[in-house]
Amino acid sequence: MLQPPLGFRMNASSWPMFLLRTLNGAEMAPAIAFKKEPPRPPQNGFRSGMKLEAVDKKNPYLICPATIGEVKGDEVFVMFDGWRGAFDYWCKYDSRDVFPWAGARSPSTASRRPATA
């Protein structure tokens, strides 16, 4: 969830002044400093039972082992391995919250092990 900047009081009328004070003289990051968004896969290639890793939306700093539970059109149901269903969620197949299984990435990427039942 996007959080307001530190020091901003949730008042829409103070936003322009906040920006003026915060950005006055600041160096803006150029667009070339950012990665381009990858192209969208042409179709949903997920099938029920496939293993992957996914962001835990209740604790977004965690990337956890998961399984595709169901596929409906452009959406997939992400089920976290070893966790209760309260953490599972539906998302678009091209969501940036789902990743290939850790074995397909660099071993330096942190991943949380499933909870033991």
Protein backbone atom coordinates (compact mmCIF):
# COMPACT_ATOMS: atom_id res chain seq x y z
CA MET A 1 0.00 0.00 0.00
CA LEU A 2 1.36 3.42 -0.94
CA GLN A 3 2.07 5.50 2.14
CA PRO A 4 2.08 9.31 2.29
CA PRO A 5 5.53 10.89 2.63
CA LEU A 6 6.86 11.56 6.11
CA GLY A 7 5.75 15.01 7.19
CA PHE A 8 2.65 15.18 5.00
CA ARG A 9 -0.54 15.86 6.92
CA MET A 10 -3.50 14.20 5.21
CA ASN A 11 -4.96 17.45 3.94
CA ALA A 12 -5.42 17.85 0.20
CA SER A 13 -4.98 21.61 0.37
CA SER A 14 -1.49 21.24 1.88
CA TRP A 15 -0.23 18.89 -0.88
CA PRO A 16 0.95 21.66 -3.28
CA MET A 17 2.89 23.38 -0.46
CA PHE A 18 4.36 20.06 0.66
CA LEU A 19 5.59 19.39 -2.89
CA LEU A 20 7.03 22.89 -3.19
CA ARG A 21 8.98 22.56 0.07
CA THR A 22 10.09 18.98 -0.60
CA LEU A 23 11.02 19.25 -4.27
CA ASN A 24 12.49 22.75 -4.31
CA GLY A 25 16.02 22.31 -5.65
CA ALA A 26 15.79 18.52 -5.66
CA GLU A 27 17.43 16.48 -8.41
CA MET A 28 14.84 14.28 -10.12
CA ALA A 29 15.77 10.74 -11.09
CA PRO A 30 15.84 10.47 -14.89
CA ALA A 31 13.50 8.02 -16.62
CA ILE A 32 16.50 6.03 -17.92
CA ALA A 33 17.38 5.13 -14.29
CA PHE A 34 14.34 2.85 -14.13
CA LYS A 35 13.73 -0.55 -15.70
CA LYS A 36 11.06 -0.63 -18.35
CA GLU A 37 7.95 -2.63 -17.53
CA PRO A 38 8.23 -6.06 -19.16
CA PRO A 39 5.83 -6.88 -21.98
CA ARG A 40 2.64 -8.67 -20.95
CA PRO A 41 2.61 -12.39 -21.78
CA PRO A 42 0.18 -12.99 -24.66
CA GLN A 43 -1.91 -15.47 -22.65
CA ASN A 44 -2.35 -17.00 -19.21
CA GLY A 45 0.06 -19.95 -19.15
CA PHE A 46 -0.70 -20.99 -15.58
CA ARG A 47 -2.43 -24.26 -14.70
CA SER A 48 -3.76 -25.47 -11.38
CA GLY A 49 -1.03 -27.16 -9.32
CA MET A 50 1.91 -25.18 -10.72
CA LYS A 51 4.53 -24.09 -8.17
CA LEU A 52 5.82 -20.53 -7.95
CA GLU A 53 6.67 -17.86 -5.42
CA ALA A 54 4.47 -14.91 -4.56
CA VAL A 55 4.43 -11.76 -2.49
CA ASP A 56 2.52 -12.15 0.77
CA LYS A 57 0.15 -9.18 0.47
CA LYS A 58 -0.28 -8.98 4.25
CA ASN A 59 3.53 -8.83 4.67
CA PRO A 60 4.78 -7.50 1.31
CA TYR A 61 8.45 -7.86 2.22
CA LEU A 62 8.00 -11.66 2.15
CA ILE A 63 8.22 -13.75 -1.01
CA CYS A 64 6.85 -17.19 -0.21
CA PRO A 65 6.50 -20.60 -1.92
CA ALA A 66 3.04 -20.99 -3.41
CA THR A 67 0.85 -23.10 -5.68
CA ILE A 68 -1.68 -22.08 -8.31
CA GLY A 69 -4.98 -23.32 -6.88
CA GLU A 70 -7.33 -22.30 -9.66
CA VAL A 71 -7.31 -20.44 -12.98
CA LYS A 72 -10.25 -18.34 -14.25
CA GLY A 73 -9.63 -16.40 -17.43
CA ASP A 74 -6.92 -13.81 -16.77
CA GLU A 75 -6.82 -14.53 -13.03
CA VAL A 76 -5.03 -17.10 -10.89
CA PHE A 77 -5.64 -18.12 -7.29
CA VAL A 78 -2.35 -18.06 -5.37
CA MET A 79 -2.26 -20.48 -2.41
CA PHE A 80 0.70 -20.21 -0.04
CA ASP A 81 2.31 -23.56 0.73
CA GLY A 82 2.06 -24.49 4.41
CA TRP A 83 -0.06 -21.47 5.38
CA ARG A 84 -3.75 -21.14 6.21
CA GLY A 85 -6.05 -19.92 3.46
CA ALA A 86 -6.36 -16.43 5.00
CA PHE A 87 -3.24 -15.37 3.08
CA ASP A 88 -4.27 -16.74 -0.34
CA TYR A 89 -5.48 -14.35 -3.02
CA TRP A 90 -6.62 -13.90 -6.61
CA CYS A 91 -4.46 -11.85 -8.99
CA LYS A 92 -3.97 -11.29 -12.73
CA TYR A 93 -1.68 -13.81 -14.41
CA ASP A 94 0.76 -11.03 -15.33
CA SER A 95 0.92 -9.61 -11.79
CA ARG A 96 4.31 -8.41 -10.62
CA ASP A 97 3.60 -10.16 -7.30
CA VAL A 98 4.22 -13.67 -8.68
CA PHE A 99 7.62 -15.08 -9.62
CA PRO A 100 9.17 -18.28 -10.95
CA TRP A 101 10.17 -20.81 -8.31
CA ALA A 102 13.42 -19.78 -6.54
CA GLY A 103 15.43 -22.49 -8.28
CA ALA A 104 14.98 -20.54 -11.51
CA ARG A 105 16.49 -17.36 -9.98
CA SER A 106 19.69 -16.33 -8.31
CA PRO A 107 20.29 -18.23 -5.04
CA SER A 108 20.95 -14.88 -3.34
CA THR A 109 17.27 -13.89 -3.56
CA ALA A 110 15.61 -14.29 -0.15
CA SER A 111 12.58 -16.56 0.02
CA ARG A 112 10.62 -17.65 3.07
CA ARG A 113 10.23 -21.36 3.73
CA PRO A 114 6.71 -22.73 4.12
CA ALA A 115 5.37 -23.12 7.63
CA THR A 116 5.23 -26.64 8.98
CA ALA A 117 1.76 -28.03 9.47
